[in-house]
Amino acid sequence: MKAISYSRYGGSDVLEYGERPDPKVGPDSVLVKVRAAAVNPVDWKCRQGYLDGALDALFPVIPGWDVSGVVVQPGPSVTEFAAGDEVIGYVREDFLSRGTFAELVAAPIRALAPKPTSLSFEEAAGLPLAGLTAYQVLHGALEVREGDTVLVHAAAGGVGSLAVQIARHAGARVIGTASERNHDHLRKLGAEPVTYGDGLVGRVRALAPGGIDAAFDTVGGDALKASVELLTDAGRLASIADGSVTEHGGHYVFVRPDAGDLRKLGELADAGVISVHVDRVFPLEQAAEAHRLNEQGRTRGKIVVTMNAG
C-alpha cells in the first residue's frame, strides 16, 4: 500500500511517501480502505518527538489518528461491522507505528463508529479526534449545562469550532476567542467572538460581567491565566494544552477513543447540530505540506489528506 511514514523524529522533511506493507487484521479489528485522514497538531508533535516520554515510536511510523473510509475485511471476532460499511475512527494506540496516513489501516472496533451519512468523507475524517475532545471536555470535565456561559479558546480551530457547536446544543451561551478574520465564522456557529491577546480579560468581562461558568482552554499559557481570572467562584476549568491547569483546580484532558461517544457525534452531525469545516484538502503524497500548514496554527476548521478512491 502507499503510505506516508517517517523513520526518525524531525521536521516535515522526514515524511516520506512510498510503499509500506499492508497491515495485518487482528481478531478485534477491521481493515479499512482509507478515503481521508485529518491532520491534527498531535501528529506533528509526535513526529517531532514531543510525546516520546509517553509513547514508544516503532519506526518507521505512519502518522495520523483520524480516519474515514470503508471496511474491507472484518476480523474474525467482529460482528459490529461488515465489508462495505462506511466508518470513521480515532485510531490511536499506545505506541506510534500504524497510523491513518495510508491507503489501508487496521482499526480496532473500540475506535470506530458508522460514518455520518450527511458528511463527506473529507468532513467525516475531521470529526473523530476534534469532536471527541470537545465532547469529552464539555460533557465530562466541565459538565456544561443549559444556561452556562462558556469561554472557548481558539474557537475557530478544529476542536474549538466543534466545542462551540456542542456547547450551544447543550443550551450554553458561548464566548469564543479568535482572530478578527474568523469572527463572522464564529457568529455563524453561534458564538460571541472576542479577539485574543492583550486585554482579553477586559473584553470578555464586557460581555459577561458576572464571570464565566466554564472555560475550555485549547492554547495554554496566557489563555489559561485569563480563564482563571474570568471564572466565577464555582466556575469549572479544563485544558487540553497546559498541565498546570490542575494547579488552579481544573482538569487536564487527553482525549480517549470511545466508540459510544463517536457514535453520538455522528448522530449530532446527521441531525444537523454540528458540522465540520474543511479548510484545505491535500493528496496523500503532499502530506508534508499539510503538516507544515497545520503547524502554523492559523487553520479554520480542519486540514485533510485524501487517498485515491479507486
C-alpha atoms as a PDB file:
ATOM      1  CA  MET A   1       0.000   0.000   0.000  1.00  0.00           C
ATOM      2  CA  LYS A   2       1.001   3.627  -0.425  1.00  0.00           C
ATOM      3  CA  ALA A   3       1.604   5.496   2.809  1.00  0.00           C
ATOM      4  CA  ILE A   4       3.369   8.403   4.453  1.00  0.00           C
ATOM      5  CA  SER A   5       5.967   7.433   7.051  1.00  0.00           C
ATOM      6  CA  TYR A   6       8.983   8.716   8.953  1.00  0.00           C
ATOM      7  CA  SER A   7      11.990   6.771  10.216  1.00  0.00           C
ATOM      8  CA  ARG A   8      13.296   9.361  12.686  1.00  0.00           C
ATOM      9  CA  TYR A   9      11.986  12.341  14.594  1.00  0.00           C
ATOM     10  CA  GLY A  10      12.257  15.707  12.885  1.00  0.00           C
ATOM     11  CA  GLY A  11      10.594  18.354  10.782  1.00  0.00           C
ATOM     12  CA  SER A  12       8.149  17.778   7.963  1.00  0.00           C
ATOM     13  CA  ASP A  13      11.089  16.903   5.691  1.00  0.00           C
ATOM     14  CA  VAL A  14      11.371  13.476   7.385  1.00  0.00           C
ATOM     15  CA  LEU A  15       7.983  12.453   5.944  1.00  0.00           C
ATOM     16  CA  GLU A  16       8.351  10.035   3.041  1.00  0.00           C
ATOM     17  CA  TYR A  17       5.749   8.859   0.519  1.00  0.00           C
ATOM     18  CA  GLY A  18       6.117   5.285  -0.686  1.00  0.00           C
ATOM     19  CA  GLU A  19       5.229   1.622  -0.284  1.00  0.00           C
ATOM     20  CA  ARG A  20       4.598   0.075   3.121  1.00  0.00           C
ATOM     21  CA  PRO A  21       3.392  -3.453   3.952  1.00  0.00           C
ATOM     22  CA  ASP A  22      -0.363  -3.931   4.157  1.00  0.00           C
ATOM     23  CA  PRO A  23      -1.459  -4.099   7.819  1.00  0.00           C
ATOM     24  CA  LYS A  24      -2.459  -7.367   9.456  1.00  0.00           C
ATOM     25  CA  VAL A  25      -6.012  -7.569  10.781  1.00  0.00           C
ATOM     26  CA  GLY A  26      -6.336  -8.726  14.385  1.00  0.00           C
ATOM     27  CA  PRO A  27      -9.361 -10.518  15.857  1.00  0.00           C
ATOM     28  CA  ASP A  28     -10.956  -7.322  17.202  1.00  0.00           C
ATOM     29  CA  SER A  29     -10.079  -5.059  14.266  1.00  0.00           C
ATOM     30  CA  VAL A  30     -11.295  -4.316  10.773  1.00  0.00           C
ATOM     31  CA  LEU A  31      -9.271  -3.475   7.705  1.00  0.00           C
ATOM     32  CA  VAL A  32     -10.354  -0.064   6.445  1.00  0.00           C
ATOM     33  CA  LYS A  33      -9.732   1.306   2.977  1.00  0.00           C
ATOM     34  CA  VAL A  34      -8.899   4.888   3.872  1.00  0.00           C
ATOM     35  CA  ARG A  35     -10.698   7.631   1.999  1.00  0.00           C
ATOM     36  CA  ALA A  36      -9.499  10.574   4.087  1.00  0.00           C
ATOM     37  CA  ALA A  37      -7.406  11.309   7.167  1.00  0.00           C
ATOM     38  CA  ALA A  38      -7.360  14.599   9.076  1.00  0.00           C
ATOM     39  CA  VAL A  39      -4.244  16.378  10.298  1.00  0.00           C
ATOM     40  CA  ASN A  40      -4.088  17.262  13.994  1.00  0.00           C
ATOM     41  CA  PRO A  41      -1.433  19.145  15.967  1.00  0.00           C
ATOM     42  CA  VAL A  42      -0.603  15.941  17.829  1.00  0.00           C
ATOM     43  CA  ASP A  43       0.556  14.423  14.514  1.00  0.00           C
ATOM     44  CA  TRP A  44       3.450  16.835  14.053  1.00  0.00           C
ATOM     45  CA  LYS A  45       4.161  16.914  17.791  1.00  0.00           C
ATOM     46  CA  CYS A  46       4.607  13.135  17.675  1.00  0.00           C
ATOM     47  CA  ARG A  47       6.759  13.474  14.554  1.00  0.00           C
ATOM     48  CA  GLN A  48       8.996  15.965  16.341  1.00  0.00           C
ATOM     49  CA  GLY A  49       9.390  13.649  19.344  1.00  0.00           C
ATOM     50  CA  TYR A  50       7.454  15.726  21.859  1.00  0.00           C
ATOM     51  CA  LEU A  51       5.489  12.680  23.035  1.00  0.00           C
ATOM     52  CA  ASP A  52       8.487  10.360  23.239  1.00  0.00           C
ATOM     53  CA  GLY A  53       8.194  10.233  27.023  1.00  0.00           C
ATOM     54  CA  ALA A  54       4.697   8.782  26.762  1.00  0.00           C
ATOM     55  CA  LEU A  55       4.572   6.813  23.501  1.00  0.00           C
ATOM     56  CA  ASP A  56       7.187   4.468  22.064  1.00  0.00           C
ATOM     57  CA  ALA A  57       7.879   5.025  18.381  1.00  0.00           C
ATOM     58  CA  LEU A  58       8.271   1.808  16.379  1.00  0.00           C
ATOM     59  CA  PHE A  59       9.992   3.196  13.295  1.00  0.00           C
ATOM     60  CA  PRO A  60       9.063   3.585  10.548  1.00  0.00           C
ATOM     61  CA  VAL A  61       5.978   5.379  11.864  1.00  0.00           C
ATOM     62  CA  ILE A  62       2.885   6.047   9.765  1.00  0.00           C
ATOM     63  CA  PRO A  63       1.330   9.199  11.299  1.00  0.00           C
ATOM     64  CA  GLY A  64      -2.333  10.021  11.739  1.00  0.00           C
ATOM     65  CA  TRP A  65      -5.090   9.076  14.184  1.00  0.00           C
ATOM     66  CA  ASP A  66      -8.212  10.340  12.369  1.00  0.00           C
ATOM     67  CA  VAL A  67      -9.794   8.325   9.570  1.00  0.00           C
ATOM     68  CA  SER A  68     -12.850   7.913   7.391  1.00  0.00           C
ATOM     69  CA  GLY A  69     -13.192   5.061   4.969  1.00  0.00           C
ATOM     70  CA  VAL A  70     -14.812   1.775   4.006  1.00  0.00           C
ATOM     71  CA  VAL A  71     -14.469  -1.589   5.739  1.00  0.00           C
ATOM     72  CA  VAL A  72     -12.695  -4.117   3.523  1.00  0.00           C
ATOM     73  CA  GLN A  73     -12.358  -7.023   5.927  1.00  0.00           C
ATOM     74  CA  PRO A  74     -13.628  -7.536   9.488  1.00  0.00           C
ATOM     75  CA  GLY A  75     -11.540  -9.504  11.968  1.00  0.00           C
ATOM     76  CA  PRO A  76     -12.748 -12.982  12.973  1.00  0.00           C
ATOM     77  CA  SER A  77     -14.432 -11.813  16.213  1.00  0.00           C
ATOM     78  CA  VAL A  78     -16.049  -8.693  14.763  1.00  0.00           C
ATOM     79  CA  THR A  79     -19.832  -8.619  14.423  1.00  0.00           C
ATOM     80  CA  GLU A  80     -20.335  -4.847  14.593  1.00  0.00           C
ATOM     81  CA  PHE A  81     -19.121  -4.076  11.064  1.00  0.00           C
ATOM     82  CA  ALA A  82     -19.167  -5.818   7.688  1.00  0.00           C
ATOM     83  CA  ALA A  83     -17.350  -5.333   4.406  1.00  0.00           C
ATOM     84  CA  GLY A  84     -18.682  -2.253   2.657  1.00  0.00           C
ATOM     85  CA  ASP A  85     -19.647  -0.336   5.802  1.00  0.00           C
ATOM     86  CA  GLU A  86     -18.585   3.298   5.844  1.00  0.00           C
ATOM     87  CA  VAL A  87     -16.855   4.186   9.121  1.00  0.00           C
ATOM     88  CA  ILE A  88     -14.997   6.890  10.997  1.00  0.00           C
ATOM     89  CA  GLY A  89     -12.423   6.349  13.693  1.00  0.00           C
ATOM     90  CA  TYR A  90      -9.998   7.801  16.196  1.00  0.00           C
ATOM     91  CA  VAL A  91      -7.398   5.098  15.642  1.00  0.00           C
ATOM     92  CA  ARG A  92      -4.934   5.672  18.461  1.00  0.00           C
ATOM     93  CA  GLU A  93      -2.761   3.002  20.008  1.00  0.00           C
ATOM     94  CA  ASP A  94      -0.389   3.251  22.985  1.00  0.00           C
ATOM     95  CA  PHE A  95       2.592   3.421  20.644  1.00  0.00           C
ATOM     96  CA  LEU A  96       3.393   5.142  17.348  1.00  0.00           C
ATOM     97  CA  SER A  97       3.566   2.933  14.278  1.00  0.00           C
ATOM     98  CA  ARG A  98       0.394   2.114  12.365  1.00  0.00           C
ATOM     99  CA  GLY A  99      -1.358   5.389  11.604  1.00  0.00           C
ATOM    100  CA  THR A 100      -4.000   6.511   9.146  1.00  0.00           C
ATOM    101  CA  PHE A 101      -1.957   8.345   6.504  1.00  0.00           C
ATOM    102  CA  ALA A 102      -2.088   5.261   4.339  1.00  0.00           C
ATOM    103  CA  GLU A 103      -4.322   3.530   1.835  1.00  0.00           C
ATOM    104  CA  LEU A 104      -5.205   0.878   4.429  1.00  0.00           C
ATOM    105  CA  VAL A 105      -5.398   0.829   8.219  1.00  0.00           C
ATOM    106  CA  ALA A 106      -6.266  -1.948  10.672  1.00  0.00           C
ATOM    107  CA  ALA A 107      -8.576  -0.233  13.147  1.00  0.00           C
ATOM    108  CA  PRO A 108      -9.778  -1.706  16.474  1.00  0.00           C
ATOM    109  CA  ILE A 109     -13.553  -1.642  16.767  1.00  0.00           C
ATOM    110  CA  ARG A 110     -13.272   0.268  20.072  1.00  0.00           C
ATOM    111  CA  ALA A 111     -12.129   3.232  17.957  1.00  0.00           C
ATOM    112  CA  LEU A 112     -14.804   3.090  15.231  1.00  0.00           C
ATOM    113  CA  ALA A 113     -18.347   4.260  14.574  1.00  0.00           C
ATOM    114  CA  PRO A 114     -20.561   4.475  11.484  1.00  0.00           C
ATOM    115  CA  LYS A 115     -19.719   7.397   9.222  1.00  0.00           C
ATOM    116  CA  PRO A 116     -22.379  10.134   9.384  1.00  0.00           C
ATOM    117  CA  THR A 117     -24.298   9.967   6.121  1.00  0.00           C
ATOM    118  CA  SER A 118     -24.637  13.749   5.982  1.00  0.00           C
ATOM    119  CA  LEU A 119     -20.878  14.329   5.876  1.00  0.00           C
ATOM    120  CA  SER A 120     -18.479  13.778   3.003  1.00  0.00           C
ATOM    121  CA  PHE A 121     -15.505  11.512   3.640  1.00  0.00           C
ATOM    122  CA  GLU A 122     -13.324  14.624   3.946  1.00  0.00           C
ATOM    123  CA  GLU A 123     -15.634  16.233   6.509  1.00  0.00           C
ATOM    124  CA  ALA A 124     -16.095  12.965   8.385  1.00  0.00           C
ATOM    125  CA  ALA A 125     -12.333  12.496   8.714  1.00  0.00           C
ATOM    126  CA  GLY A 126     -12.176  15.760  10.649  1.00  0.00           C
ATOM    127  CA  LEU A 127     -14.729  14.705  13.237  1.00  0.00           C
ATOM    128  CA  PRO A 128     -13.187  11.968  15.454  1.00  0.00           C
ATOM    129  CA  LEU A 129     -10.268  13.461  17.402  1.00  0.00           C
ATOM    130  CA  ALA A 130     -11.520  17.047  17.471  1.00  0.00           C
ATOM    131  CA  GLY A 131     -15.118  16.035  18.098  1.00  0.00           C
ATOM    132  CA  LEU A 132     -14.277  13.551  20.834  1.00  0.00           C
ATOM    133  CA  THR A 133     -12.018  16.103  22.510  1.00  0.00           C
ATOM    134  CA  ALA A 134     -14.757  18.728  22.534  1.00  0.00           C
ATOM    135  CA  TYR A 135     -17.446  16.258  23.601  1.00  0.00           C
ATOM    136  CA  GLN A 136     -15.428  14.691  26.428  1.00  0.00           C
ATOM    137  CA  VAL A 137     -14.301  18.044  27.819  1.00  0.00           C
ATOM    138  CA  LEU A 138     -17.730  19.683  27.672  1.00  0.00           C
ATOM    139  CA  HIS A 139     -19.844  16.751  28.882  1.00  0.00           C
ATOM    140  CA  GLY A 140     -17.196  15.175  31.102  1.00  0.00           C
ATOM    141  CA  ALA A 141     -14.695  17.521  32.722  1.00  0.00           C
ATOM    142  CA  LEU A 142     -16.791  20.696  32.517  1.00  0.00           C
ATOM    143  CA  GLU A 143     -20.301  19.225  32.790  1.00  0.00           C
ATOM    144  CA  VAL A 144     -21.696  22.071  30.693  1.00  0.00           C
ATOM    145  CA  ARG A 145     -25.428  22.545  31.073  1.00  0.00           C
ATOM    146  CA  GLU A 146     -28.202  24.812  29.931  1.00  0.00           C
ATOM    147  CA  GLY A 147     -27.759  28.421  30.972  1.00  0.00           C
ATOM    148  CA  ASP A 148     -23.972  28.259  31.439  1.00  0.00           C
ATOM    149  CA  THR A 149     -21.703  30.887  29.951  1.00  0.00           C
ATOM    150  CA  VAL A 150     -18.749  29.042  28.398  1.00  0.00           C
ATOM    151  CA  LEU A 151     -15.459  30.507  27.188  1.00  0.00           C
ATOM    152  CA  VAL A 152     -13.820  28.545  24.346  1.00  0.00           C
ATOM    153  CA  HIS A 153     -10.293  29.452  23.295  1.00  0.00           C
ATOM    154  CA  ALA A 154      -9.169  29.196  19.645  1.00  0.00           C
ATOM    155  CA  ALA A 155     -12.841  28.756  18.842  1.00  0.00           C
ATOM    156  CA  ALA A 156     -12.372  28.738  15.052  1.00  0.00           C
ATOM    157  CA  GLY A 157      -9.949  25.796  15.106  1.00  0.00           C
ATOM    158  CA  GLY A 158     -10.743  22.130  14.739  1.00  0.00           C
ATOM    159  CA  VAL A 159     -11.525  21.418  18.396  1.00  0.00           C
ATOM    160  CA  GLY A 160     -12.811  24.897  19.166  1.00  0.00           C
ATOM    161  CA  SER A 161     -15.363  25.086  16.356  1.00  0.00           C
ATOM    162  CA  LEU A 162     -16.885  21.756  17.360  1.00  0.00           C
ATOM    163  CA  ALA A 163     -16.841  22.778  21.028  1.00  0.00           C
ATOM    164  CA  VAL A 164     -18.828  25.894  20.172  1.00  0.00           C
ATOM    165  CA  GLN A 165     -21.498  23.856  18.414  1.00  0.00           C
ATOM    166  CA  ILE A 166     -21.706  21.152  21.092  1.00  0.00           C
ATOM    167  CA  ALA A 167     -21.915  23.693  23.907  1.00  0.00           C
ATOM    168  CA  ARG A 168     -24.619  25.648  22.090  1.00  0.00           C
ATOM    169  CA  HIS A 169     -26.584  22.423  21.623  1.00  0.00           C
ATOM    170  CA  ALA A 170     -26.337  21.885  25.392  1.00  0.00           C
ATOM    171  CA  GLY A 171     -28.035  25.242  25.885  1.00  0.00           C
ATOM    172  CA  ALA A 172     -24.965  27.247  26.864  1.00  0.00           C
ATOM    173  CA  ARG A 173     -24.001  30.755  25.860  1.00  0.00           C
ATOM    174  CA  VAL A 174     -20.573  30.633  24.188  1.00  0.00           C
ATOM    175  CA  ILE A 175     -17.887  33.304  24.026  1.00  0.00           C
ATOM    176  CA  GLY A 176     -15.065  32.316  21.688  1.00  0.00           C
ATOM    177  CA  THR A 177     -11.586  33.739  21.181  1.00  0.00           C
ATOM    178  CA  ALA A 178     -10.356  34.042  17.597  1.00  0.00           C
ATOM    179  CA  SER A 179      -8.555  36.375  15.248  1.00  0.00           C
ATOM    180  CA  GLU A 180     -10.784  39.063  13.813  1.00  0.00           C
ATOM    181  CA  ARG A 181     -10.874  37.406  10.386  1.00  0.00           C
ATOM    182  CA  ASN A 182     -12.744  34.476  11.977  1.00  0.00           C
ATOM    183  CA  HIS A 183     -15.340  36.492  13.904  1.00  0.00           C
ATOM    184  CA  ASP A 184     -18.075  36.157  11.289  1.00  0.00           C
ATOM    185  CA  HIS A 185     -17.417  32.415  11.152  1.00  0.00           C
ATOM    186  CA  LEU A 186     -17.883  32.154  14.914  1.00  0.00           C
ATOM    187  CA  ARG A 187     -21.101  34.119  14.794  1.00  0.00           C
ATOM    188  CA  LYS A 188     -22.456  31.640  12.252  1.00  0.00           C
ATOM    189  CA  LEU A 189     -21.599  28.817  14.663  1.00  0.00           C
ATOM    190  CA  GLY A 190     -23.479  30.592  17.445  1.00  0.00           C
ATOM    191  CA  ALA A 191     -20.616  32.092  19.454  1.00  0.00           C
ATOM    192  CA  GLU A 192     -19.916  35.658  20.521  1.00  0.00           C
ATOM    193  CA  PRO A 193     -16.371  36.359  19.261  1.00  0.00           C
ATOM    194  CA  VAL A 194     -13.621  38.218  21.074  1.00  0.00           C
ATOM    195  CA  THR A 195     -10.084  38.889  19.884  1.00  0.00           C
ATOM    196  CA  TYR A 196      -7.411  37.102  21.905  1.00  0.00           C
ATOM    197  CA  GLY A 197      -4.191  38.742  23.106  1.00  0.00           C
ATOM    198  CA  ASP A 198      -3.610  41.713  25.389  1.00  0.00           C
ATOM    199  CA  GLY A 199      -6.794  42.972  27.001  1.00  0.00           C
ATOM    200  CA  LEU A 200      -8.666  39.672  26.614  1.00  0.00           C
ATOM    201  CA  VAL A 201      -9.919  39.652  30.204  1.00  0.00           C
ATOM    202  CA  GLY A 202     -11.491  43.075  29.798  1.00  0.00           C
ATOM    203  CA  ARG A 203     -13.131  42.191  26.500  1.00  0.00           C
ATOM    204  CA  VAL A 204     -14.700  39.049  27.950  1.00  0.00           C
ATOM    205  CA  ARG A 205     -15.840  40.870  31.078  1.00  0.00           C
ATOM    206  CA  ALA A 206     -17.569  43.437  28.916  1.00  0.00           C
ATOM    207  CA  LEU A 207     -19.720  40.588  27.564  1.00  0.00           C
ATOM    208  CA  ALA A 208     -20.030  38.626  30.812  1.00  0.00           C
ATOM    209  CA  PRO A 209     -19.672  40.975  33.802  1.00  0.00           C
ATOM    210  CA  GLY A 210     -20.703  38.210  36.184  1.00  0.00           C
ATOM    211  CA  GLY A 211     -17.943  35.896  35.048  1.00  0.00           C
ATOM    212  CA  ILE A 212     -17.617  32.612  33.162  1.00  0.00           C
ATOM    213  CA  ASP A 213     -19.202  29.373  34.361  1.00  0.00           C
ATOM    214  CA  ALA A 214     -16.839  27.140  32.387  1.00  0.00           C
ATOM    215  CA  ALA A 215     -13.649  27.704  30.409  1.00  0.00           C
ATOM    216  CA  PHE A 216     -12.251  25.379  27.740  1.00  0.00           C
ATOM    217  CA  ASP A 217      -8.564  26.110  27.183  1.00  0.00           C
ATOM    218  CA  THR A 218      -7.030  24.768  23.977  1.00  0.00           C
ATOM    219  CA  VAL A 219      -3.977  27.051  23.975  1.00  0.00           C
ATOM    220  CA  GLY A 220      -2.350  27.175  27.413  1.00  0.00           C
ATOM    221  CA  GLY A 221      -0.152  29.907  28.846  1.00  0.00           C
ATOM    222  CA  ASP A 222      -1.788  33.326  28.841  1.00  0.00           C
ATOM    223  CA  ALA A 223      -5.122  31.889  27.698  1.00  0.00           C
ATOM    224  CA  LEU A 224      -5.204  29.630  30.742  1.00  0.00           C
ATOM    225  CA  LYS A 225      -4.292  32.518  33.062  1.00  0.00           C
ATOM    226  CA  ALA A 226      -7.067  34.658  31.593  1.00  0.00           C
ATOM    227  CA  SER A 227      -9.540  31.816  32.051  1.00  0.00           C
ATOM    228  CA  VAL A 228      -8.681  31.502  35.747  1.00  0.00           C
ATOM    229  CA  GLU A 229      -9.202  35.234  36.242  1.00  0.00           C
ATOM    230  CA  LEU A 230     -12.582  35.158  34.488  1.00  0.00           C
ATOM    231  CA  LEU A 231     -14.164  32.210  36.298  1.00  0.00           C
ATOM    232  CA  THR A 232     -16.978  32.650  38.801  1.00  0.00           C
ATOM    233  CA  ASP A 233     -16.359  31.281  42.293  1.00  0.00           C
ATOM    234  CA  ALA A 234     -17.993  27.997  41.231  1.00  0.00           C
ATOM    235  CA  GLY A 235     -16.540  28.062  37.731  1.00  0.00           C
ATOM    236  CA  ARG A 236     -15.091  24.957  36.081  1.00  0.00           C
ATOM    237  CA  LEU A 237     -11.862  24.852  34.102  1.00  0.00           C
ATOM    238  CA  ALA A 238     -10.355  22.337  31.678  1.00  0.00           C
ATOM    239  CA  SER A 239      -7.359  22.402  29.388  1.00  0.00           C
ATOM    240  CA  ILE A 240      -6.073  20.133  26.648  1.00  0.00           C
ATOM    241  CA  ALA A 241      -2.885  22.176  26.246  1.00  0.00           C
ATOM    242  CA  ASP A 242      -1.482  23.044  29.685  1.00  0.00           C
ATOM    243  CA  GLY A 243      -0.962  20.573  32.514  1.00  0.00           C
ATOM    244  CA  SER A 244      -0.641  23.402  35.027  1.00  0.00           C
ATOM    245  CA  VAL A 245      -4.433  23.690  34.879  1.00  0.00           C
ATOM    246  CA  THR A 246      -4.547  21.255  37.808  1.00  0.00           C
ATOM    247  CA  GLU A 247      -2.788  23.837  39.984  1.00  0.00           C
ATOM    248  CA  HIS A 248      -5.873  26.013  39.554  1.00  0.00           C
ATOM    249  CA  GLY A 249      -8.338  23.274  40.444  1.00  0.00           C
ATOM    250  CA  GLY A 250      -9.063  22.401  36.817  1.00  0.00           C
ATOM    251  CA  HIS A 251      -8.855  19.260  34.725  1.00  0.00           C
ATOM    252  CA  TYR A 252      -6.212  18.303  32.189  1.00  0.00           C
ATOM    253  CA  VAL A 253      -7.881  16.215  29.486  1.00  0.00           C
ATOM    254  CA  PHE A 254      -6.270  13.914  26.925  1.00  0.00           C
ATOM    255  CA  VAL A 255      -8.919  12.587  24.575  1.00  0.00           C
ATOM    256  CA  ARG A 256      -9.521   8.833  24.507  1.00  0.00           C
ATOM    257  CA  PRO A 257     -11.050   6.603  21.830  1.00  0.00           C
ATOM    258  CA  ASP A 258     -14.675   5.874  22.664  1.00  0.00           C
ATOM    259  CA  ALA A 259     -16.954   4.219  20.136  1.00  0.00           C
ATOM    260  CA  GLY A 260     -20.080   5.288  22.020  1.00  0.00           C
ATOM    261  CA  ASP A 261     -19.099   8.947  22.124  1.00  0.00           C
ATOM    262  CA  LEU A 262     -18.076   8.817  18.475  1.00  0.00           C
ATOM    263  CA  ARG A 263     -21.444   7.355  17.518  1.00  0.00           C
ATOM    264  CA  LYS A 264     -23.186  10.189  19.402  1.00  0.00           C
ATOM    265  CA  LEU A 265     -21.136  12.732  17.461  1.00  0.00           C
ATOM    266  CA  GLY A 266     -22.181  11.092  14.209  1.00  0.00           C
ATOM    267  CA  GLU A 267     -25.819  11.300  15.269  1.00  0.00           C
ATOM    268  CA  LEU A 268     -25.388  15.005  16.069  1.00  0.00           C
ATOM    269  CA  ALA A 269     -23.891  15.555  12.630  1.00  0.00           C
ATOM    270  CA  ASP A 270     -26.742  13.747  10.892  1.00  0.00           C
ATOM    271  CA  ALA A 271     -29.236  15.769  12.950  1.00  0.00           C
ATOM    272  CA  GLY A 272     -27.676  18.975  11.647  1.00  0.00           C
ATOM    273  CA  VAL A 273     -26.444  20.009  15.090  1.00  0.00           C
ATOM    274  CA  ILE A 274     -22.722  20.017  14.249  1.00  0.00           C
ATOM    275  CA  SER A 275     -20.777  20.463  11.049  1.00  0.00           C
ATOM    276  CA  VAL A 276     -17.095  20.121  10.150  1.00  0.00           C
ATOM    277  CA  HIS A 277     -15.422  22.919   8.237  1.00  0.00           C
ATOM    278  CA  VAL A 278     -12.642  21.637   5.955  1.00  0.00           C
ATOM    279  CA  ASP A 279     -10.099  24.390   5.333  1.00  0.00           C
ATOM    280  CA  ARG A 280      -7.741  22.608   2.917  1.00  0.00           C
ATOM    281  CA  VAL A 281      -7.507  19.198   1.240  1.00  0.00           C
ATOM    282  CA  PHE A 282      -4.230  17.618   0.096  1.00  0.00           C
ATOM    283  CA  PRO A 283      -3.499  14.349  -1.712  1.00  0.00           C
ATOM    284  CA  LEU A 284      -1.561  11.787   0.327  1.00  0.00           C
ATOM    285  CA  GLU A 285       1.728  12.483  -1.433  1.00  0.00           C
ATOM    286  CA  GLN A 286       1.524  16.121  -0.242  1.00  0.00           C
ATOM    287  CA  ALA A 287       1.053  15.235   3.426  1.00  0.00           C
ATOM    288  CA  ALA A 288       4.242  17.083   4.378  1.00  0.00           C
ATOM    289  CA  GLU A 289       2.704  20.331   3.142  1.00  0.00           C
ATOM    290  CA  ALA A 290      -0.452  19.549   5.132  1.00  0.00           C
ATOM    291  CA  HIS A 291       1.701  19.112   8.247  1.00  0.00           C
ATOM    292  CA  ARG A 292       3.517  22.390   7.617  1.00  0.00           C
ATOM    293  CA  LEU A 293       0.254  24.264   7.221  1.00  0.00           C
ATOM    294  CA  ASN A 294      -1.165  22.789  10.421  1.00  0.00           C
ATOM    295  CA  GLU A 295       1.966  23.766  12.342  1.00  0.00           C
ATOM    296  CA  GLN A 296       1.325  27.413  11.509  1.00  0.00           C
ATOM    297  CA  GLY A 297      -1.699  27.277  13.813  1.00  0.00           C
ATOM    298  CA  ARG A 298      -3.998  29.537  11.820  1.00  0.00           C
ATOM    299  CA  THR A 299      -6.327  26.926  10.373  1.00  0.00           C
ATOM    300  CA  ARG A 300     -10.082  27.454  10.349  1.00  0.00           C
ATOM    301  CA  GLY A 301     -11.544  24.006  10.965  1.00  0.00           C
ATOM    302  CA  LYS A 302      -9.617  21.034   9.613  1.00  0.00           C
ATOM    303  CA  ILE A 303      -6.868  20.145   7.157  1.00  0.00           C
ATOM    304  CA  VAL A 304      -7.486  16.801   5.448  1.00  0.00           C
ATOM    305  CA  VAL A 305      -5.421  14.367   3.389  1.00  0.00           C
ATOM    306  CA  THR A 306      -7.201  12.156   0.855  1.00  0.00           C
ATOM    307  CA  MET A 307      -6.370   8.849  -0.792  1.00  0.00           C
ATOM    308  CA  ASN A 308      -7.015   7.590  -4.265  1.00  0.00           C
ATOM    309  CA  ALA A 309     -10.629   6.432  -4.160  1.00  0.00           C
ATOM    310  CA  GLY A 310     -10.112   3.845  -6.854  1.00  0.00           C
END
